[in-house]
């Protein structure tokens, strides 16, 4: 099952919201740091994730986030 960039972003946003509500900002940051081991190539992975994102989708996403 393919997951769209928009779906991944919603999952990320909902996850961060849940962590913040449950742990508070400091707890959320500490939790995320525990799982951020810094391995891999972020640039290559990001290009692969965003390769199908077009300008319209990006504009729509930014409008949603800024409102």
PDB file of N, CA and C in Angstrom:
ATOM      1  N   UNK A   1       0.839  -1.179   0.000  1.00  0.00           N
ATOM      2  CA  UNK A   1       0.000   0.000   0.000  1.00  0.00           C
ATOM      3  C   UNK A   1       0.887   1.246   0.000  1.00  0.00           C
ATOM      4  N   UNK A   2       0.717   2.082  -0.996  1.00  0.00           N
ATOM      5  CA  UNK A   2       1.487   3.325  -1.094  1.00  0.00           C
ATOM      6  C   UNK A   2       0.872   4.399  -0.204  1.00  0.00           C
ATOM      7  N   UNK A   3       1.711   5.116   0.464  1.00  0.00           N
ATOM      8  CA  UNK A   3       1.262   6.204   1.329  1.00  0.00           C
ATOM      9  C   UNK A   3       1.702   7.510   0.690  1.00  0.00           C
ATOM     10  N   UNK A   4       0.774   8.451   0.573  1.00  0.00           N
ATOM     11  CA  UNK A   4       1.101   9.723  -0.053  1.00  0.00           C
ATOM     12  C   UNK A   4       1.877  10.613   0.903  1.00  0.00           C
ATOM     13  N   UNK A   5       2.536  11.610   0.333  1.00  0.00           N
ATOM     14  CA  UNK A   5       3.285  12.572   1.134  1.00  0.00           C
ATOM     15  C   UNK A   5       2.343  13.266   2.105  1.00  0.00           C
ATOM     16  N   UNK A   6       1.158  13.597   1.635  1.00  0.00           N
ATOM     17  CA  UNK A   6       0.167  14.272   2.483  1.00  0.00           C
ATOM     18  C   UNK A   6      -0.223  13.394   3.672  1.00  0.00           C
ATOM     19  N   UNK A   7      -0.405  12.100   3.439  1.00  0.00           N
ATOM     20  CA  UNK A   7      -0.753  11.182   4.528  1.00  0.00           C
ATOM     21  C   UNK A   7       0.395  11.056   5.531  1.00  0.00           C
ATOM     22  N   UNK A   8       1.614  10.975   5.029  1.00  0.00           N
ATOM     23  CA  UNK A   8       2.762  10.900   5.925  1.00  0.00           C
ATOM     24  C   UNK A   8       2.882  12.163   6.771  1.00  0.00           C
ATOM     25  N   UNK A   9       2.630  13.297   6.164  1.00  0.00           N
ATOM     26  CA  UNK A   9       2.701  14.557   6.897  1.00  0.00           C
ATOM     27  C   UNK A   9       1.611  14.627   7.968  1.00  0.00           C
ATOM     28  N   UNK A  10       0.410  14.143   7.657  1.00  0.00           N
ATOM     29  CA  UNK A  10      -0.678  14.132   8.640  1.00  0.00           C
ATOM     30  C   UNK A  10      -0.314  13.227   9.811  1.00  0.00           C
ATOM     31  N   UNK A  11       0.244  12.073   9.517  1.00  0.00           N
ATOM     32  CA  UNK A  11       0.656  11.143  10.568  1.00  0.00           C
ATOM     33  C   UNK A  11       1.729  11.784  11.452  1.00  0.00           C
ATOM     34  N   UNK A  12       2.709  12.445  10.816  1.00  0.00           N
ATOM     35  CA  UNK A  12       3.771  13.111  11.573  1.00  0.00           C
ATOM     36  C   UNK A  12       3.199  14.196  12.475  1.00  0.00           C
ATOM     37  N   UNK A  13       2.320  15.008  11.907  1.00  0.00           N
ATOM     38  CA  UNK A  13       1.726  16.114  12.667  1.00  0.00           C
ATOM     39  C   UNK A  13       0.875  15.590  13.822  1.00  0.00           C
ATOM     40  N   UNK A  14       0.046  14.571  13.555  1.00  0.00           N
ATOM     41  CA  UNK A  14      -0.790  13.996  14.611  1.00  0.00           C
ATOM     42  C   UNK A  14       0.053  13.356  15.707  1.00  0.00           C
ATOM     43  N   UNK A  15       1.153  12.711  15.302  1.00  0.00           N
ATOM     44  CA  UNK A  15       2.039  12.083  16.278  1.00  0.00           C
ATOM     45  C   UNK A  15       2.709  13.102  17.183  1.00  0.00           C
ATOM     46  N   UNK A  16       3.196  14.179  16.592  1.00  0.00           N
ATOM     47  CA  UNK A  16       3.822  15.227  17.396  1.00  0.00           C
ATOM     48  C   UNK A  16       2.804  15.876  18.332  1.00  0.00           C
ATOM     49  N   UNK A  17       1.600  16.067  17.846  1.00  0.00           N
ATOM     50  CA  UNK A  17       0.546  16.658  18.687  1.00  0.00           C
ATOM     51  C   UNK A  17       0.258  15.757  19.888  1.00  0.00           C
ATOM     52  N   UNK A  18       0.151  14.442  19.637  1.00  0.00           N
ATOM     53  CA  UNK A  18      -0.126  13.498  20.717  1.00  0.00           C
ATOM     54  C   UNK A  18       1.016  13.482  21.739  1.00  0.00           C
ATOM     55  N   UNK A  19       2.252  13.484  21.244  1.00  0.00           N
ATOM     56  CA  UNK A  19       3.398  13.503  22.155  1.00  0.00           C
ATOM     57  C   UNK A  19       3.406  14.773  22.998  1.00  0.00           C
ATOM     58  N   UNK A  20       3.140  15.898  22.361  1.00  0.00           N
ATOM     59  CA  UNK A  20       3.141  17.170  23.085  1.00  0.00           C
ATOM     60  C   UNK A  20       2.048  17.194  24.145  1.00  0.00           C
ATOM     61  N   UNK A  21       0.859  16.711  23.790  1.00  0.00           N
ATOM     62  CA  UNK A  21      -0.249  16.713  24.747  1.00  0.00           C
ATOM     63  C   UNK A  21       0.028  15.791  25.929  1.00  0.00           C
ATOM     64  N   UNK A  22       0.651  14.663  25.668  1.00  0.00           N
ATOM     65  CA  UNK A  22       0.886  13.676  26.723  1.00  0.00           C
ATOM     66  C   UNK A  22       2.127  13.975  27.551  1.00  0.00           C
ATOM     67  N   UNK A  23       3.204  14.427  26.884  1.00  0.00           N
ATOM     68  CA  UNK A  23       4.487  14.584  27.567  1.00  0.00           C
ATOM     69  C   UNK A  23       4.896  16.031  27.805  1.00  0.00           C
ATOM     70  N   UNK A  24       4.217  16.969  27.178  1.00  0.00           N
ATOM     71  CA  UNK A  24       4.652  18.361  27.226  1.00  0.00           C
ATOM     72  C   UNK A  24       5.777  18.564  26.227  1.00  0.00           C
ATOM     73  N   UNK A  25       6.137  19.811  25.998  1.00  0.00           N
ATOM     74  CA  UNK A  25       7.151  20.113  24.981  1.00  0.00           C
ATOM     75  C   UNK A  25       8.498  19.486  25.324  1.00  0.00           C
ATOM     76  N   UNK A  26       8.953  19.644  26.548  1.00  0.00           N
ATOM     77  CA  UNK A  26      10.264  19.099  26.925  1.00  0.00           C
ATOM     78  C   UNK A  26      10.287  17.577  26.816  1.00  0.00           C
ATOM     79  N   UNK A  27       9.239  16.932  27.278  1.00  0.00           N
ATOM     80  CA  UNK A  27       9.168  15.474  27.193  1.00  0.00           C
ATOM     81  C   UNK A  27       9.132  14.997  25.755  1.00  0.00           C
ATOM     82  N   UNK A  28       8.394  15.722  24.914  1.00  0.00           N
ATOM     83  CA  UNK A  28       8.320  15.377  23.500  1.00  0.00           C
ATOM     84  C   UNK A  28       9.708  15.444  22.870  1.00  0.00           C
ATOM     85  N   UNK A  29      10.438  16.508  23.148  1.00  0.00           N
ATOM     86  CA  UNK A  29      11.781  16.665  22.586  1.00  0.00           C
ATOM     87  C   UNK A  29      12.706  15.547  23.064  1.00  0.00           C
ATOM     88  N   UNK A  30      12.657  15.239  24.341  1.00  0.00           N
ATOM     89  CA  UNK A  30      13.508  14.170  24.873  1.00  0.00           C
ATOM     90  C   UNK A  30      13.164  12.827  24.237  1.00  0.00           C
ATOM     91  N   UNK A  31      11.870  12.563  24.052  1.00  0.00           N
ATOM     92  CA  UNK A  31      11.435  11.312  23.431  1.00  0.00           C
ATOM     93  C   UNK A  31      11.964  11.207  22.007  1.00  0.00           C
ATOM     94  N   UNK A  32      11.818  12.273  21.243  1.00  0.00           N
ATOM     95  CA  UNK A  32      12.277  12.267  19.853  1.00  0.00           C
ATOM     96  C   UNK A  32      13.790  12.086  19.792  1.00  0.00           C
ATOM     97  N   UNK A  33      14.514  12.736  20.676  1.00  0.00           N
ATOM     98  CA  UNK A  33      15.970  12.607  20.690  1.00  0.00           C
ATOM     99  C   UNK A  33      16.411  11.176  20.966  1.00  0.00           C
ATOM    100  N   UNK A  34      15.625  10.436  21.741  1.00  0.00           N
ATOM    101  CA  UNK A  34      15.969   9.046  22.037  1.00  0.00           C
ATOM    102  C   UNK A  34      15.969   8.187  20.777  1.00  0.00           C
ATOM    103  N   UNK A  35      15.183   8.560  19.774  1.00  0.00           N
ATOM    104  CA  UNK A  35      15.055   7.756  18.561  1.00  0.00           C
ATOM    105  C   UNK A  35      15.710   8.401  17.355  1.00  0.00           C
ATOM    106  N   UNK A  36      16.450   9.459  17.551  1.00  0.00           N
ATOM    107  CA  UNK A  36      17.154  10.130  16.468  1.00  0.00           C
ATOM    108  C   UNK A  36      18.629   9.782  16.544  1.00  0.00           C
ATOM    109  N   UNK A  37      18.996   8.702  15.880  1.00  0.00           N
ATOM    110  CA  UNK A  37      20.375   8.243  15.981  1.00  0.00           C
ATOM    111  C   UNK A  37      21.295   8.838  14.929  1.00  0.00           C
ATOM    112  N   UNK A  38      20.752   9.592  13.996  1.00  0.00           N
ATOM    113  CA  UNK A  38      21.579  10.291  13.029  1.00  0.00           C
ATOM    114  C   UNK A  38      22.211   9.419  11.961  1.00  0.00           C
ATOM    115  N   UNK A  39      21.680   8.261  11.691  1.00  0.00           N
ATOM    116  CA  UNK A  39      22.242   7.382  10.673  1.00  0.00           C
ATOM    117  C   UNK A  39      21.484   7.563   9.361  1.00  0.00           C
ATOM    118  N   UNK A  40      22.129   7.197   8.277  1.00  0.00           N
ATOM    119  CA  UNK A  40      21.492   7.283   6.972  1.00  0.00           C
ATOM    120  C   UNK A  40      21.855   8.579   6.269  1.00  0.00           C
ATOM    121  N   UNK A  41      21.250   8.768   5.103  1.00  0.00           N
ATOM    122  CA  UNK A  41      21.507   9.960   4.309  1.00  0.00           C
ATOM    123  C   UNK A  41      20.192  10.724   4.185  1.00  0.00           C
ATOM    124  N   UNK A  42      20.021  11.718   5.029  1.00  0.00           N
ATOM    125  CA  UNK A  42      18.779  12.479   5.081  1.00  0.00           C
ATOM    126  C   UNK A  42      18.444  13.100   3.726  1.00  0.00           C
ATOM    127  N   UNK A  43      19.437  13.660   3.049  1.00  0.00           N
ATOM    128  CA  UNK A  43      19.182  14.337   1.779  1.00  0.00           C
ATOM    129  C   UNK A  43      18.627  13.378   0.749  1.00  0.00           C
ATOM    130  N   UNK A  44      19.230  12.218   0.594  1.00  0.00           N
ATOM    131  CA  UNK A  44      18.739  11.231  -0.372  1.00  0.00           C
ATOM    132  C   UNK A  44      17.354  10.722   0.015  1.00  0.00           C
ATOM    133  N   UNK A  45      17.155  10.442   1.300  1.00  0.00           N
ATOM    134  CA  UNK A  45      15.853   9.950   1.748  1.00  0.00           C
ATOM    135  C   UNK A  45      14.768  10.997   1.521  1.00  0.00           C
ATOM    136  N   UNK A  46      15.067  12.245   1.799  1.00  0.00           N
ATOM    137  CA  UNK A  46      14.101  13.336   1.618  1.00  0.00           C
ATOM    138  C   UNK A  46      13.743  13.501   0.140  1.00  0.00           C
ATOM    139  N   UNK A  47      14.747  13.429  -0.734  1.00  0.00           N
ATOM    140  CA  UNK A  47      14.473  13.518  -2.178  1.00  0.00           C
ATOM    141  C   UNK A  47      13.535  12.399  -2.619  1.00  0.00           C
ATOM    142  N   UNK A  48      13.769  11.211  -2.133  1.00  0.00           N
ATOM    143  CA  UNK A  48      12.922  10.067  -2.502  1.00  0.00           C
ATOM    144  C   UNK A  48      11.498  10.263  -1.993  1.00  0.00           C
ATOM    145  N   UNK A  49      11.352  10.712  -0.764  1.00  0.00           N
ATOM    146  CA  UNK A  49      10.024  10.911  -0.177  1.00  0.00           C
ATOM    147  C   UNK A  49       9.249  11.990  -0.926  1.00  0.00           C
ATOM    148  N   UNK A  50       9.929  13.037  -1.323  1.00  0.00           N
ATOM    149  CA  UNK A  50       9.257  14.194  -1.922  1.00  0.00           C
ATOM    150  C   UNK A  50       9.272  14.214  -3.442  1.00  0.00           C
ATOM    151  N   UNK A  51       9.774  13.166  -4.078  1.00  0.00           N
ATOM    152  CA  UNK A  51       9.952  13.191  -5.533  1.00  0.00           C
ATOM    153  C   UNK A  51       8.651  13.407  -6.301  1.00  0.00           C
ATOM    154  N   UNK A  52       7.520  12.980  -5.768  1.00  0.00           N
ATOM    155  CA  UNK A  52       6.250  13.124  -6.476  1.00  0.00           C
ATOM    156  C   UNK A  52       5.455  14.350  -6.035  1.00  0.00           C
ATOM    157  N   UNK A  53       5.998  15.138  -5.147  1.00  0.00           N
ATOM    158  CA  UNK A  53       5.308  16.333  -4.666  1.00  0.00           C
ATOM    159  C   UNK A  53       5.400  17.423  -5.724  1.00  0.00           C
ATOM    160  N   UNK A  54       4.235  17.971  -6.099  1.00  0.00           N
ATOM    161  CA  UNK A  54       4.263  19.044  -7.080  1.00  0.00           C
ATOM    162  C   UNK A  54       4.025  20.391  -6.401  1.00  0.00           C
ATOM    163  N   UNK A  55       4.210  21.450  -7.170  1.00  0.00           N
ATOM    164  CA  UNK A  55       4.121  22.807  -6.632  1.00  0.00           C
ATOM    165  C   UNK A  55       2.746  23.080  -6.014  1.00  0.00           C
ATOM    166  N   UNK A  56       1.677  22.649  -6.657  1.00  0.00           N
ATOM    167  CA  UNK A  56       0.319  22.886  -6.159  1.00  0.00           C
ATOM    168  C   UNK A  56       0.113  22.214  -4.809  1.00  0.00           C
ATOM    169  N   UNK A  57       0.544  20.967  -4.672  1.00  0.00           N
ATOM    170  CA  UNK A  57       0.413  20.251  -3.403  1.00  0.00           C
ATOM    171  C   UNK A  57       1.186  20.964  -2.295  1.00  0.00           C
ATOM    172  N   UNK A  58       2.382  21.442  -2.616  1.00  0.00           N
ATOM    173  CA  UNK A  58       3.182  22.152  -1.632  1.00  0.00           C
ATOM    174  C   UNK A  58       2.494  23.451  -1.215  1.00  0.00           C
ATOM    175  N   UNK A  59       1.962  24.185  -2.174  1.00  0.00           N
ATOM    176  CA  UNK A  59       1.257  25.428  -1.858  1.00  0.00           C
ATOM    177  C   UNK A  59       0.034  25.152  -0.989  1.00  0.00           C
ATOM    178  N   UNK A  60      -0.740  24.120  -1.329  1.00  0.00           N
ATOM    179  CA  UNK A  60      -1.920  23.766  -0.536  1.00  0.00           C
ATOM    180  C   UNK A  60      -1.533  23.377   0.872  1.00  0.00           C
ATOM    181  N   UNK A  61      -0.468  22.596   1.015  1.00  0.00           N
ATOM    182  CA  UNK A  61      -0.002  22.179   2.332  1.00  0.00           C
ATOM    183  C   UNK A  61       0.399  23.384   3.168  1.00  0.00           C
ATOM    184  N   UNK A  62       1.165  24.299   2.578  1.00  0.00           N
ATOM    185  CA  UNK A  62       1.613  25.476   3.321  1.00  0.00           C
ATOM    186  C   UNK A  62       0.432  26.362   3.728  1.00  0.00           C
ATOM    187  N   UNK A  63      -0.557  26.478   2.860  1.00  0.00           N
ATOM    188  CA  UNK A  63      -1.754  27.264   3.211  1.00  0.00           C
ATOM    189  C   UNK A  63      -2.456  26.643   4.427  1.00  0.00           C
ATOM    190  N   UNK A  64      -2.584  25.317   4.425  1.00  0.00           N
ATOM    191  CA  UNK A  64      -3.229  24.624   5.551  1.00  0.00           C
ATOM    192  C   UNK A  64      -2.443  24.846   6.843  1.00  0.00           C
ATOM    193  N   UNK A  65      -1.138  24.753   6.782  1.00  0.00           N
ATOM    194  CA  UNK A  65      -0.296  24.873   7.967  1.00  0.00           C
ATOM    195  C   UNK A  65      -0.278  26.295   8.519  1.00  0.00           C
ATOM    196  N   UNK A  66      -0.345  27.286   7.631  1.00  0.00           N
ATOM    197  CA  UNK A  66      -0.230  28.666   8.065  1.00  0.00           C
ATOM    198  C   UNK A  66      -1.555  29.256   8.497  1.00  0.00           C
ATOM    199  N   UNK A  67      -2.636  28.576   8.253  1.00  0.00           N
ATOM    200  CA  UNK A  67      -3.965  29.070   8.680  1.00  0.00           C
ATOM    201  C   UNK A  67      -4.428  28.403   9.945  1.00  0.00           C
TER     202      UNK A  67
END
